């Protein structure tokens, strides 16, 4: 599961970094592009991706423990 979180974060980061048309023209991303513009959306997705990937790394290394409730 931790590897999936890291992969999702890197995917979001890459989508923002490279500005993939299919990524930024998706139904959910179009709303964000309309609100903050294409460059703002790219920066948002890069920051979001780094945050998610960092969370995955912290979970993988055991810094954050994933305990079931």
PDB file of N, CA and C in Angstrom:
ATOM      1  N   UNK A   1       0.816  -1.187   0.000  1.00  0.00           N
ATOM      2  CA  UNK A   1       0.000   0.000   0.000  1.00  0.00           C
ATOM      3  C   UNK A   1       0.866   1.260   0.000  1.00  0.00           C
ATOM      4  N   UNK A   2       1.977   1.215   0.728  1.00  0.00           N
ATOM      5  CA  UNK A   2       2.844   2.388   0.793  1.00  0.00           C
ATOM      6  C   UNK A   2       3.441   2.707  -0.567  1.00  0.00           C
ATOM      7  N   UNK A   3       3.769   1.669  -1.328  1.00  0.00           N
ATOM      8  CA  UNK A   3       4.326   1.890  -2.663  1.00  0.00           C
ATOM      9  C   UNK A   3       3.297   2.527  -3.589  1.00  0.00           C
ATOM     10  N   UNK A   4       2.036   2.158  -3.411  1.00  0.00           N
ATOM     11  CA  UNK A   4       0.970   2.757  -4.209  1.00  0.00           C
ATOM     12  C   UNK A   4       0.842   4.246  -3.912  1.00  0.00           C
ATOM     13  N   UNK A   5       0.949   4.620  -2.649  1.00  0.00           N
ATOM     14  CA  UNK A   5       0.861   6.029  -2.259  1.00  0.00           C
ATOM     15  C   UNK A   5       2.030   6.807  -2.860  1.00  0.00           C
ATOM     16  N   UNK A   6       3.213   6.243  -2.808  1.00  0.00           N
ATOM     17  CA  UNK A   6       4.382   6.906  -3.406  1.00  0.00           C
ATOM     18  C   UNK A   6       4.181   7.057  -4.907  1.00  0.00           C
ATOM     19  N   UNK A   7       3.708   6.012  -5.563  1.00  0.00           N
ATOM     20  CA  UNK A   7       3.469   6.066  -7.001  1.00  0.00           C
ATOM     21  C   UNK A   7       2.422   7.102  -7.384  1.00  0.00           C
ATOM     22  N   UNK A   8       1.356   7.178  -6.605  1.00  0.00           N
ATOM     23  CA  UNK A   8       0.308   8.169  -6.882  1.00  0.00           C
ATOM     24  C   UNK A   8       0.846   9.584  -6.730  1.00  0.00           C
ATOM     25  N   UNK A   9       1.672   9.801  -5.720  1.00  0.00           N
ATOM     26  CA  UNK A   9       2.271  11.109  -5.529  1.00  0.00           C
ATOM     27  C   UNK A   9       3.207  11.485  -6.662  1.00  0.00           C
ATOM     28  N   UNK A  10       4.020  10.541  -7.090  1.00  0.00           N
ATOM     29  CA  UNK A  10       4.936  10.811  -8.203  1.00  0.00           C
ATOM     30  C   UNK A  10       4.179  11.029  -9.510  1.00  0.00           C
ATOM     31  N   UNK A  11       3.076  10.325  -9.686  1.00  0.00           N
ATOM     32  CA  UNK A  11       2.245  10.513 -10.867  1.00  0.00           C
ATOM     33  C   UNK A  11       1.652  11.921 -10.893  1.00  0.00           C
ATOM     34  N   UNK A  12       1.133  12.376  -9.766  1.00  0.00           N
ATOM     35  CA  UNK A  12       0.582  13.725  -9.678  1.00  0.00           C
ATOM     36  C   UNK A  12       1.672  14.771  -9.907  1.00  0.00           C
ATOM     37  N   UNK A  13       2.827  14.561  -9.327  1.00  0.00           N
ATOM     38  CA  UNK A  13       3.949  15.483  -9.521  1.00  0.00           C
ATOM     39  C   UNK A  13       4.348  15.552 -10.994  1.00  0.00           C
ATOM     40  N   UNK A  14       4.457  14.399 -11.643  1.00  0.00           N
ATOM     41  CA  UNK A  14       4.854  14.372 -13.050  1.00  0.00           C
ATOM     42  C   UNK A  14       3.795  15.024 -13.933  1.00  0.00           C
ATOM     43  N   UNK A  15       2.525  14.818 -13.621  1.00  0.00           N
ATOM     44  CA  UNK A  15       1.457  15.446 -14.385  1.00  0.00           C
ATOM     45  C   UNK A  15       1.533  16.959 -14.321  1.00  0.00           C
ATOM     46  N   UNK A  16       1.863  17.483 -13.149  1.00  0.00           N
ATOM     47  CA  UNK A  16       2.025  18.922 -13.017  1.00  0.00           C
ATOM     48  C   UNK A  16       3.310  19.426 -13.639  1.00  0.00           C
ATOM     49  N   UNK A  17       4.377  18.687 -13.474  1.00  0.00           N
ATOM     50  CA  UNK A  17       5.678  19.108 -13.988  1.00  0.00           C
ATOM     51  C   UNK A  17       5.685  19.180 -15.512  1.00  0.00           C
ATOM     52  N   UNK A  18       5.179  18.135 -16.143  1.00  0.00           N
ATOM     53  CA  UNK A  18       5.213  18.065 -17.602  1.00  0.00           C
ATOM     54  C   UNK A  18       3.988  18.693 -18.250  1.00  0.00           C
ATOM     55  N   UNK A  19       2.971  19.025 -17.461  1.00  0.00           N
ATOM     56  CA  UNK A  19       1.781  19.670 -17.987  1.00  0.00           C
ATOM     57  C   UNK A  19       1.067  18.837 -19.034  1.00  0.00           C
ATOM     58  N   UNK A  20       0.943  17.541 -18.786  1.00  0.00           N
ATOM     59  CA  UNK A  20       0.283  16.657 -19.736  1.00  0.00           C
ATOM     60  C   UNK A  20      -1.121  17.171 -20.023  1.00  0.00           C
ATOM     61  N   UNK A  21      -1.455  17.313 -21.304  1.00  0.00           N
ATOM     62  CA  UNK A  21      -2.773  17.812 -21.686  1.00  0.00           C
ATOM     63  C   UNK A  21      -3.887  16.916 -21.164  1.00  0.00           C
ATOM     64  N   UNK A  22      -3.725  15.619 -21.307  1.00  0.00           N
ATOM     65  CA  UNK A  22      -4.772  14.702 -20.856  1.00  0.00           C
ATOM     66  C   UNK A  22      -4.937  14.746 -19.341  1.00  0.00           C
ATOM     67  N   UNK A  23      -3.871  15.104 -18.632  1.00  0.00           N
ATOM     68  CA  UNK A  23      -3.925  15.190 -17.173  1.00  0.00           C
ATOM     69  C   UNK A  23      -4.663  16.460 -16.750  1.00  0.00           C
ATOM     70  N   UNK A  24      -4.310  17.589 -17.354  1.00  0.00           N
ATOM     71  CA  UNK A  24      -4.909  18.863 -16.964  1.00  0.00           C
ATOM     72  C   UNK A  24      -6.279  19.093 -17.596  1.00  0.00           C
ATOM     73  N   UNK A  25      -6.657  18.296 -18.590  1.00  0.00           N
ATOM     74  CA  UNK A  25      -7.976  18.424 -19.196  1.00  0.00           C
ATOM     75  C   UNK A  25      -8.969  17.407 -18.665  1.00  0.00           C
ATOM     76  N   UNK A  26      -8.564  16.660 -17.640  1.00  0.00           N
ATOM     77  CA  UNK A  26      -9.509  15.713 -17.052  1.00  0.00           C
ATOM     78  C   UNK A  26     -10.632  16.493 -16.373  1.00  0.00           C
ATOM     79  N   UNK A  27     -11.745  15.847 -16.164  1.00  0.00           N
ATOM     80  CA  UNK A  27     -12.932  16.512 -15.641  1.00  0.00           C
ATOM     81  C   UNK A  27     -12.660  17.233 -14.318  1.00  0.00           C
ATOM     82  N   UNK A  28     -11.951  16.600 -13.422  1.00  0.00           N
ATOM     83  CA  UNK A  28     -11.706  17.204 -12.111  1.00  0.00           C
ATOM     84  C   UNK A  28     -10.636  18.287 -12.158  1.00  0.00           C
ATOM     85  N   UNK A  29      -9.651  18.127 -13.020  1.00  0.00           N
ATOM     86  CA  UNK A  29      -8.578  19.123 -13.101  1.00  0.00           C
ATOM     87  C   UNK A  29      -9.033  20.376 -13.834  1.00  0.00           C
ATOM     88  N   UNK A  30      -9.981  20.249 -14.758  1.00  0.00           N
ATOM     89  CA  UNK A  30     -10.464  21.428 -15.491  1.00  0.00           C
ATOM     90  C   UNK A  30     -11.016  22.483 -14.559  1.00  0.00           C
ATOM     91  N   UNK A  31     -11.705  22.059 -13.503  1.00  0.00           N
ATOM     92  CA  UNK A  31     -12.249  23.002 -12.526  1.00  0.00           C
ATOM     93  C   UNK A  31     -11.124  23.804 -11.885  1.00  0.00           C
ATOM     94  N   UNK A  32     -10.065  23.126 -11.488  1.00  0.00           N
ATOM     95  CA  UNK A  32      -8.928  23.797 -10.854  1.00  0.00           C
ATOM     96  C   UNK A  32      -8.219  24.721 -11.840  1.00  0.00           C
ATOM     97  N   UNK A  33      -8.088  24.295 -13.084  1.00  0.00           N
ATOM     98  CA  UNK A  33      -7.463  25.127 -14.113  1.00  0.00           C
ATOM     99  C   UNK A  33      -8.291  26.390 -14.332  1.00  0.00           C
ATOM    100  N   UNK A  34      -9.605  26.237 -14.305  1.00  0.00           N
ATOM    101  CA  UNK A  34     -10.482  27.386 -14.499  1.00  0.00           C
ATOM    102  C   UNK A  34     -10.359  28.376 -13.332  1.00  0.00           C
ATOM    103  N   UNK A  35     -10.198  27.863 -12.124  1.00  0.00           N
ATOM    104  CA  UNK A  35     -10.136  28.714 -10.931  1.00  0.00           C
ATOM    105  C   UNK A  35      -8.782  29.419 -10.806  1.00  0.00           C
ATOM    106  N   UNK A  36      -7.675  28.684 -10.902  1.00  0.00           N
ATOM    107  CA  UNK A  36      -6.356  29.283 -10.625  1.00  0.00           C
ATOM    108  C   UNK A  36      -5.448  29.352 -11.847  1.00  0.00           C
ATOM    109  N   UNK A  37      -5.950  28.942 -12.995  1.00  0.00           N
ATOM    110  CA  UNK A  37      -5.154  29.022 -14.217  1.00  0.00           C
ATOM    111  C   UNK A  37      -4.288  27.787 -14.405  1.00  0.00           C
ATOM    112  N   UNK A  38      -3.770  27.622 -15.626  1.00  0.00           N
ATOM    113  CA  UNK A  38      -2.994  26.415 -15.910  1.00  0.00           C
ATOM    114  C   UNK A  38      -1.690  26.330 -15.122  1.00  0.00           C
ATOM    115  N   UNK A  39      -0.986  27.436 -14.974  1.00  0.00           N
ATOM    116  CA  UNK A  39       0.279  27.385 -14.235  1.00  0.00           C
ATOM    117  C   UNK A  39       0.018  27.138 -12.746  1.00  0.00           C
ATOM    118  N   UNK A  40      -1.013  27.749 -12.200  1.00  0.00           N
ATOM    119  CA  UNK A  40      -1.364  27.511 -10.803  1.00  0.00           C
ATOM    120  C   UNK A  40      -1.760  26.072 -10.560  1.00  0.00           C
ATOM    121  N   UNK A  41      -2.496  25.490 -11.511  1.00  0.00           N
ATOM    122  CA  UNK A  41      -2.902  24.090 -11.375  1.00  0.00           C
ATOM    123  C   UNK A  41      -1.687  23.168 -11.449  1.00  0.00           C
ATOM    124  N   UNK A  42      -0.758  23.485 -12.332  1.00  0.00           N
ATOM    125  CA  UNK A  42       0.457  22.667 -12.429  1.00  0.00           C
ATOM    126  C   UNK A  42       1.238  22.718 -11.125  1.00  0.00           C
ATOM    127  N   UNK A  43       1.392  23.908 -10.549  1.00  0.00           N
ATOM    128  CA  UNK A  43       2.112  24.048  -9.276  1.00  0.00           C
ATOM    129  C   UNK A  43       1.362  23.309  -8.173  1.00  0.00           C
ATOM    130  N   UNK A  44       0.036  23.439  -8.150  1.00  0.00           N
ATOM    131  CA  UNK A  44      -0.771  22.748  -7.147  1.00  0.00           C
ATOM    132  C   UNK A  44      -0.553  21.237  -7.213  1.00  0.00           C
ATOM    133  N   UNK A  45      -0.601  20.673  -8.426  1.00  0.00           N
ATOM    134  CA  UNK A  45      -0.439  19.227  -8.564  1.00  0.00           C
ATOM    135  C   UNK A  45       0.983  18.777  -8.247  1.00  0.00           C
ATOM    136  N   UNK A  46       1.966  19.623  -8.500  1.00  0.00           N
ATOM    137  CA  UNK A  46       3.339  19.265  -8.131  1.00  0.00           C
ATOM    138  C   UNK A  46       3.494  19.246  -6.614  1.00  0.00           C
ATOM    139  N   UNK A  47       2.966  20.256  -5.934  1.00  0.00           N
ATOM    140  CA  UNK A  47       3.056  20.305  -4.464  1.00  0.00           C
ATOM    141  C   UNK A  47       2.254  19.168  -3.845  1.00  0.00           C
ATOM    142  N   UNK A  48       1.055  18.935  -4.381  1.00  0.00           N
ATOM    143  CA  UNK A  48       0.232  17.832  -3.886  1.00  0.00           C
ATOM    144  C   UNK A  48       0.948  16.493  -4.061  1.00  0.00           C
ATOM    145  N   UNK A  49       1.545  16.290  -5.226  1.00  0.00           N
ATOM    146  CA  UNK A  49       2.264  15.052  -5.485  1.00  0.00           C
ATOM    147  C   UNK A  49       3.441  14.846  -4.556  1.00  0.00           C
ATOM    148  N   UNK A  50       4.200  15.923  -4.314  1.00  0.00           N
ATOM    149  CA  UNK A  50       5.324  15.795  -3.375  1.00  0.00           C
ATOM    150  C   UNK A  50       4.839  15.469  -1.972  1.00  0.00           C
ATOM    151  N   UNK A  51       3.738  16.081  -1.572  1.00  0.00           N
ATOM    152  CA  UNK A  51       3.187  15.795  -0.247  1.00  0.00           C
ATOM    153  C   UNK A  51       2.735  14.356  -0.107  1.00  0.00           C
ATOM    154  N   UNK A  52       2.050  13.854  -1.118  1.00  0.00           N
ATOM    155  CA  UNK A  52       1.568  12.469  -1.075  1.00  0.00           C
ATOM    156  C   UNK A  52       2.736  11.494  -1.121  1.00  0.00           C
ATOM    157  N   UNK A  53       3.727  11.769  -1.970  1.00  0.00           N
ATOM    158  CA  UNK A  53       4.897  10.881  -2.049  1.00  0.00           C
ATOM    159  C   UNK A  53       5.673  10.894  -0.737  1.00  0.00           C
ATOM    160  N   UNK A  54       5.794  12.062  -0.123  1.00  0.00           N
ATOM    161  CA  UNK A  54       6.476  12.154   1.172  1.00  0.00           C
ATOM    162  C   UNK A  54       5.737  11.350   2.233  1.00  0.00           C
ATOM    163  N   UNK A  55       4.414  11.443   2.230  1.00  0.00           N
ATOM    164  CA  UNK A  55       3.612  10.653   3.165  1.00  0.00           C
ATOM    165  C   UNK A  55       3.867   9.157   2.952  1.00  0.00           C
ATOM    166  N   UNK A  56       3.916   8.729   1.698  1.00  0.00           N
ATOM    167  CA  UNK A  56       4.181   7.321   1.404  1.00  0.00           C
ATOM    168  C   UNK A  56       5.543   6.872   1.888  1.00  0.00           C
ATOM    169  N   UNK A  57       6.553   7.709   1.692  1.00  0.00           N
ATOM    170  CA  UNK A  57       7.908   7.371   2.158  1.00  0.00           C
ATOM    171  C   UNK A  57       7.939   7.285   3.679  1.00  0.00           C
ATOM    172  N   UNK A  58       7.276   8.217   4.350  1.00  0.00           N
ATOM    173  CA  UNK A  58       7.250   8.191   5.818  1.00  0.00           C
ATOM    174  C   UNK A  58       6.523   6.953   6.331  1.00  0.00           C
ATOM    175  N   UNK A  59       5.462   6.555   5.655  1.00  0.00           N
ATOM    176  CA  UNK A  59       4.770   5.322   6.040  1.00  0.00           C
ATOM    177  C   UNK A  59       5.639   4.099   5.779  1.00  0.00           C
ATOM    178  N   UNK A  60       6.331   4.100   4.650  1.00  0.00           N
ATOM    179  CA  UNK A  60       7.172   2.957   4.286  1.00  0.00           C
ATOM    180  C   UNK A  60       8.337   2.777   5.253  1.00  0.00           C
ATOM    181  N   UNK A  61       8.937   3.874   5.690  1.00  0.00           N
ATOM    182  CA  UNK A  61      10.086   3.793   6.587  1.00  0.00           C
ATOM    183  C   UNK A  61       9.696   3.625   8.049  1.00  0.00           C
ATOM    184  N   UNK A  62       8.409   3.730   8.355  1.00  0.00           N
ATOM    185  CA  UNK A  62       7.955   3.524   9.728  1.00  0.00           C
ATOM    186  C   UNK A  62       7.979   4.762  10.593  1.00  0.00           C
ATOM    187  N   UNK A  63       8.287   5.917  10.028  1.00  0.00           N
ATOM    188  CA  UNK A  63       8.256   7.158  10.805  1.00  0.00           C
ATOM    189  C   UNK A  63       6.834   7.443  11.236  1.00  0.00           C
ATOM    190  N   UNK A  64       5.876   7.203  10.346  1.00  0.00           N
ATOM    191  CA  UNK A  64       4.460   7.293  10.662  1.00  0.00           C
ATOM    192  C   UNK A  64       3.937   5.861  10.679  1.00  0.00           C
ATOM    193  N   UNK A  65       3.313   5.472  11.776  1.00  0.00           N
ATOM    194  CA  UNK A  65       2.798   4.115  11.881  1.00  0.00           C
ATOM    195  C   UNK A  65       1.353   4.063  11.403  1.00  0.00           C
ATOM    196  N   UNK A  66       1.057   3.080  10.594  1.00  0.00           N
ATOM    197  CA  UNK A  66      -0.283   2.890  10.072  1.00  0.00           C
ATOM    198  C   UNK A  66      -0.952   1.779  10.871  1.00  0.00           C
ATOM    199  N   UNK A  67      -1.598   2.168  11.967  1.00  0.00           N
ATOM    200  CA  UNK A  67      -2.219   1.183  12.847  1.00  0.00           C
ATOM    201  C   UNK A  67      -3.716   1.098  12.534  1.00  0.00           C
ATOM    202  N   UNK A  68      -4.238  -0.108  12.388  1.00  0.00           N
ATOM    203  CA  UNK A  68      -5.697  -0.224  12.216  1.00  0.00           C
ATOM    204  C   UNK A  68      -6.421   0.147  13.504  1.00  0.00           C
ATOM    205  N   UNK A  69      -7.568   0.721  13.351  1.00  0.00           N
ATOM    206  CA  UNK A  69      -8.352   1.176  14.521  1.00  0.00           C
ATOM    207  C   UNK A  69      -9.129   0.040  15.106  1.00  0.00           C
TER     208      UNK A  69
END
